[in-house]
Amino acid sequence: MNERQPAAYYALIGLSLVFSVLAVVTLLPNPSASKPNVLGYRSVCTFAPAATALCGLLAGITCILRNRLVSARRVATRFQPPFVAILVLGALVAAAAVFGARFSASQSRFAAIIADSAPAGASFASLEDGTRLATVSEGEVSATVEITVAGGSVTGLRLVEGTNVEQSVADVVFAAVEESQSSAVDAVSGATASSNVLLKAIEEATAGR
């Protein structure tokens, strides 16, 4: 005869399912993410796979709590053999720690890129008409920008090639630069490193006037 389970048992099942689904969702591709995760692609959660392992760990913990502390089944039938649960949790903790450390290192690299790529914020004046290119690389971010000058002003900007630079970010930066005729514009929120690299490339292209 099956034992009747308490309400907390089913609540913990729900939590385990939620955390399991979230673990999968964190890894789904998301091209509009502000930066790639440590696996090298842009995902729903830029903290993946550290966040993935953390969600898996929470799913495992709620599962153990449900079976060990809440379940109405006899103790002898819960999680046999017990070392399996310990091994799984240990692996998830190790994965979260390893990828968490890699994410921290990645964040530090991006912070350094932001500092190194900060543009001077120059105003444009007396530019020679024509088209010119400039490339700027800072760590994991690089951009080649084509600039068109007519009538002494910047009339066109195009992202020719970029690494870890989204076209949508470039469009916002370019529109601001053309409107102000200056590189002293705000970086796109959540994309400071790529914004700075774009602005620095524009400054280099206009440096010769």
Protein backbone atom coordinates (compact mmCIF):
# COMPACT_ATOMS: atom_id res chain seq x y z
CA MET A 1 0.00 0.00 0.00
CA ASN A 2 1.43 3.40 -0.98
CA GLU A 3 1.97 5.91 1.80
CA ARG A 4 0.15 9.22 1.51
CA GLN A 5 2.73 11.94 0.94
CA PRO A 6 2.51 15.31 2.78
CA ALA A 7 1.98 18.57 0.90
CA ALA A 8 5.64 19.56 1.42
CA TYR A 9 6.66 16.49 -0.59
CA TYR A 10 4.89 17.76 -3.70
CA ALA A 11 6.08 21.32 -3.12
CA LEU A 12 9.68 20.11 -3.12
CA ILE A 13 9.02 18.10 -6.30
CA GLY A 14 7.86 21.35 -7.90
CA LEU A 15 11.00 23.16 -6.76
CA SER A 16 13.22 20.37 -8.11
CA LEU A 17 11.49 20.61 -11.50
CA VAL A 18 11.79 24.42 -11.57
CA PHE A 19 15.52 24.33 -10.82
CA SER A 20 16.04 21.55 -13.38
CA VAL A 21 14.28 23.57 -16.09
CA LEU A 22 16.24 26.70 -15.16
CA ALA A 23 19.49 24.73 -15.46
CA VAL A 24 18.61 23.93 -19.08
CA VAL A 25 17.35 27.44 -19.86
CA THR A 26 20.62 29.06 -18.73
CA LEU A 27 22.43 27.24 -21.56
CA LEU A 28 20.04 28.19 -24.38
CA PRO A 29 21.60 30.45 -27.05
CA ASN A 30 20.73 34.15 -26.88
CA PRO A 31 22.47 36.27 -29.57
CA SER A 32 21.37 39.50 -27.85
CA ALA A 33 23.25 38.72 -24.61
CA SER A 34 25.70 41.46 -23.58
CA LYS A 35 28.70 39.12 -23.72
CA PRO A 36 29.54 35.44 -24.29
CA ASN A 37 29.64 32.98 -21.42
CA VAL A 38 32.82 31.10 -20.49
CA LEU A 39 31.93 28.37 -23.00
CA GLY A 40 32.42 30.94 -25.77
CA TYR A 41 28.85 31.60 -26.98
CA ARG A 42 26.07 34.00 -25.98
CA SER A 43 23.44 32.31 -23.83
CA VAL A 44 20.30 33.26 -21.89
CA CYS A 45 22.42 33.54 -18.76
CA THR A 46 25.90 35.02 -19.20
CA PHE A 47 26.86 33.31 -15.91
CA ALA A 48 26.45 29.88 -17.52
CA PRO A 49 27.59 27.20 -16.94
CA ALA A 50 28.30 28.25 -13.34
CA ALA A 51 24.62 29.20 -13.00
CA THR A 52 23.69 25.90 -14.67
CA ALA A 53 25.62 23.91 -12.08
CA LEU A 54 24.14 26.03 -9.28
CA CYS A 55 20.58 25.34 -10.49
CA GLY A 56 21.43 21.65 -10.74
CA LEU A 57 22.81 21.74 -7.21
CA LEU A 58 19.61 23.35 -5.90
CA ALA A 59 17.54 20.74 -7.74
CA GLY A 60 19.62 18.00 -6.10
CA ILE A 61 19.34 19.53 -2.64
CA THR A 62 15.55 19.86 -2.84
CA CYS A 63 15.38 16.28 -4.11
CA ILE A 64 17.42 15.00 -1.15
CA LEU A 65 15.36 17.02 1.31
CA ARG A 66 12.19 15.59 -0.19
CA ASN A 67 13.34 11.99 0.02
CA ARG A 68 15.29 12.11 3.27
CA LEU A 69 13.21 14.41 5.43
CA VAL A 70 9.71 14.71 3.99
CA SER A 71 8.88 11.46 2.23
CA ALA A 72 6.45 9.14 3.99
CA ARG A 73 8.28 6.07 2.66
CA ARG A 74 10.30 3.87 4.99
CA VAL A 75 13.82 5.16 5.62
CA ALA A 76 15.34 1.93 4.27
CA THR A 77 13.84 2.59 0.82
CA ARG A 78 14.98 6.19 0.43
CA PHE A 79 17.93 6.95 -1.86
CA GLN A 80 19.61 3.57 -1.97
CA PRO A 81 22.54 3.46 -2.30
CA PRO A 82 23.11 6.77 -0.48
CA PHE A 83 26.57 7.45 -1.96
CA VAL A 84 25.00 8.14 -5.39
CA ALA A 85 23.38 11.32 -4.10
CA ILE A 86 26.63 12.36 -2.43
CA LEU A 87 28.60 11.84 -5.67
CA VAL A 88 26.09 13.80 -7.75
CA LEU A 89 26.03 16.72 -5.32
CA GLY A 90 29.81 16.68 -5.08
CA ALA A 91 30.12 16.84 -8.87
CA LEU A 92 27.67 19.76 -9.06
CA VAL A 93 29.51 21.66 -6.32
CA ALA A 94 32.83 21.10 -8.11
CA ALA A 95 31.36 22.24 -11.45
CA ALA A 96 29.87 25.37 -9.88
CA ALA A 97 33.20 26.19 -8.23
CA VAL A 98 35.28 25.63 -11.39
CA PHE A 99 33.01 27.56 -13.74
CA GLY A 100 32.42 30.24 -11.11
CA ALA A 101 36.17 30.82 -10.96
CA ARG A 102 36.36 30.95 -14.76
CA PHE A 103 33.49 33.44 -14.85
CA SER A 104 35.24 35.66 -12.28
CA ALA A 105 38.38 35.59 -14.41
CA SER A 106 36.33 36.47 -17.51
CA GLN A 107 34.71 39.38 -15.68
CA SER A 108 38.14 40.64 -14.66
CA ARG A 109 39.32 40.49 -18.27
CA PHE A 110 36.31 42.49 -19.43
CA ALA A 111 36.89 45.06 -16.70
CA ALA A 112 40.46 45.44 -17.94
CA ILE A 113 39.21 45.80 -21.52
CA ILE A 114 36.79 48.56 -20.46
CA ALA A 115 39.60 50.43 -18.71
CA ASP A 116 42.09 50.02 -21.58
CA SER A 117 39.63 50.92 -24.33
CA ALA A 118 38.19 54.08 -22.78
CA PRO A 119 37.90 56.64 -25.62
CA ALA A 120 39.28 60.15 -25.32
CA GLY A 121 35.99 61.73 -26.38
CA ALA A 122 37.13 63.93 -29.26
CA SER A 123 34.95 66.33 -31.23
CA PHE A 124 35.17 66.21 -35.02
CA ALA A 125 36.13 69.34 -36.98
CA SER A 126 37.57 70.07 -40.45
CA LEU A 127 37.59 66.43 -41.53
CA GLU A 128 38.79 65.66 -45.02
CA ASP A 129 36.10 64.13 -47.22
CA GLY A 130 36.47 60.47 -48.07
CA THR A 131 36.19 56.96 -46.65
CA ARG A 132 38.62 55.45 -44.19
CA LEU A 133 38.96 52.34 -42.01
CA ALA A 134 40.30 51.79 -38.52
CA THR A 135 40.65 48.64 -36.42
CA VAL A 136 40.93 48.49 -32.65
CA SER A 137 41.49 45.32 -30.63
CA GLU A 138 41.35 45.14 -26.85
CA GLY A 139 41.57 41.64 -25.41
CA GLU A 140 38.58 39.60 -26.55
CA VAL A 141 36.87 42.57 -28.24
CA SER A 142 37.80 43.99 -31.64
CA ALA A 143 36.12 46.13 -34.29
CA THR A 144 36.88 47.39 -37.78
CA VAL A 145 34.89 50.52 -38.55
CA GLU A 146 34.42 52.24 -41.90
CA ILE A 147 33.85 56.00 -41.73
CA THR A 148 32.47 58.18 -44.50
CA VAL A 149 33.14 61.92 -44.33
CA ALA A 150 31.37 64.48 -46.52
CA GLY A 151 31.30 68.23 -46.15
CA GLY A 152 33.75 67.99 -43.28
CA SER A 153 31.41 65.88 -41.13
CA VAL A 154 30.97 62.17 -40.45
CA THR A 155 28.00 61.13 -42.57
CA GLY A 156 28.28 57.34 -42.44
CA LEU A 157 29.60 54.68 -40.09
CA ARG A 158 29.68 50.95 -40.75
CA LEU A 159 30.85 47.97 -38.73
CA VAL A 160 32.96 46.03 -41.22
CA GLU A 161 34.02 43.28 -38.82
CA GLY A 162 33.74 42.69 -35.12
CA THR A 163 34.54 40.16 -32.43
CA ASN A 164 32.22 40.23 -29.41
CA VAL A 165 30.63 43.35 -30.89
CA GLU A 166 26.93 43.18 -31.74
CA GLN A 167 25.54 45.04 -34.77
CA SER A 168 22.72 46.39 -32.62
CA VAL A 169 25.26 47.97 -30.24
CA ALA A 170 27.17 49.44 -33.19
CA ASP A 171 23.97 50.93 -34.61
CA VAL A 172 23.22 52.76 -31.35
CA VAL A 173 26.78 54.04 -30.99
CA PHE A 174 26.99 55.14 -34.63
CA ALA A 175 23.69 57.01 -34.45
CA ALA A 176 24.84 58.91 -31.35
CA VAL A 177 28.20 59.77 -32.93
CA GLU A 178 26.63 61.03 -36.16
CA GLU A 179 24.14 63.15 -34.24
CA SER A 180 26.73 64.76 -31.96
CA GLN A 181 29.63 64.71 -34.44
CA SER A 182 31.79 63.57 -31.54
CA SER A 183 33.04 60.40 -29.92
CA ALA A 184 32.09 61.80 -26.52
CA VAL A 185 28.89 59.78 -26.29
CA ASP A 186 27.60 57.36 -23.68
CA ALA A 187 28.38 53.67 -23.98
CA VAL A 188 25.47 51.29 -24.55
CA SER A 189 24.27 49.91 -21.22
CA GLY A 190 25.50 46.35 -20.73
CA ALA A 191 27.96 46.64 -23.63
CA THR A 192 30.56 49.09 -22.33
CA ALA A 193 33.58 47.18 -23.63
CA SER A 194 32.29 46.87 -27.20
CA SER A 195 31.02 50.48 -27.18
CA ASN A 196 34.44 51.74 -26.10
CA VAL A 197 36.21 49.74 -28.81
CA LEU A 198 33.85 51.14 -31.45
CA LEU A 199 34.39 54.71 -30.25
CA LYS A 200 38.14 54.23 -30.11
CA ALA A 201 38.13 52.92 -33.70
CA ILE A 202 36.18 56.00 -34.79
CA GLU A 203 38.68 58.25 -33.03
CA GLU A 204 41.62 56.52 -34.71
CA ALA A 205 39.99 56.82 -38.13
CA THR A 206 39.44 60.55 -37.66
CA ALA A 207 42.79 61.24 -35.99
CA GLY A 208 44.47 62.15 -39.29
CA ARG A 209 41.59 64.48 -40.08
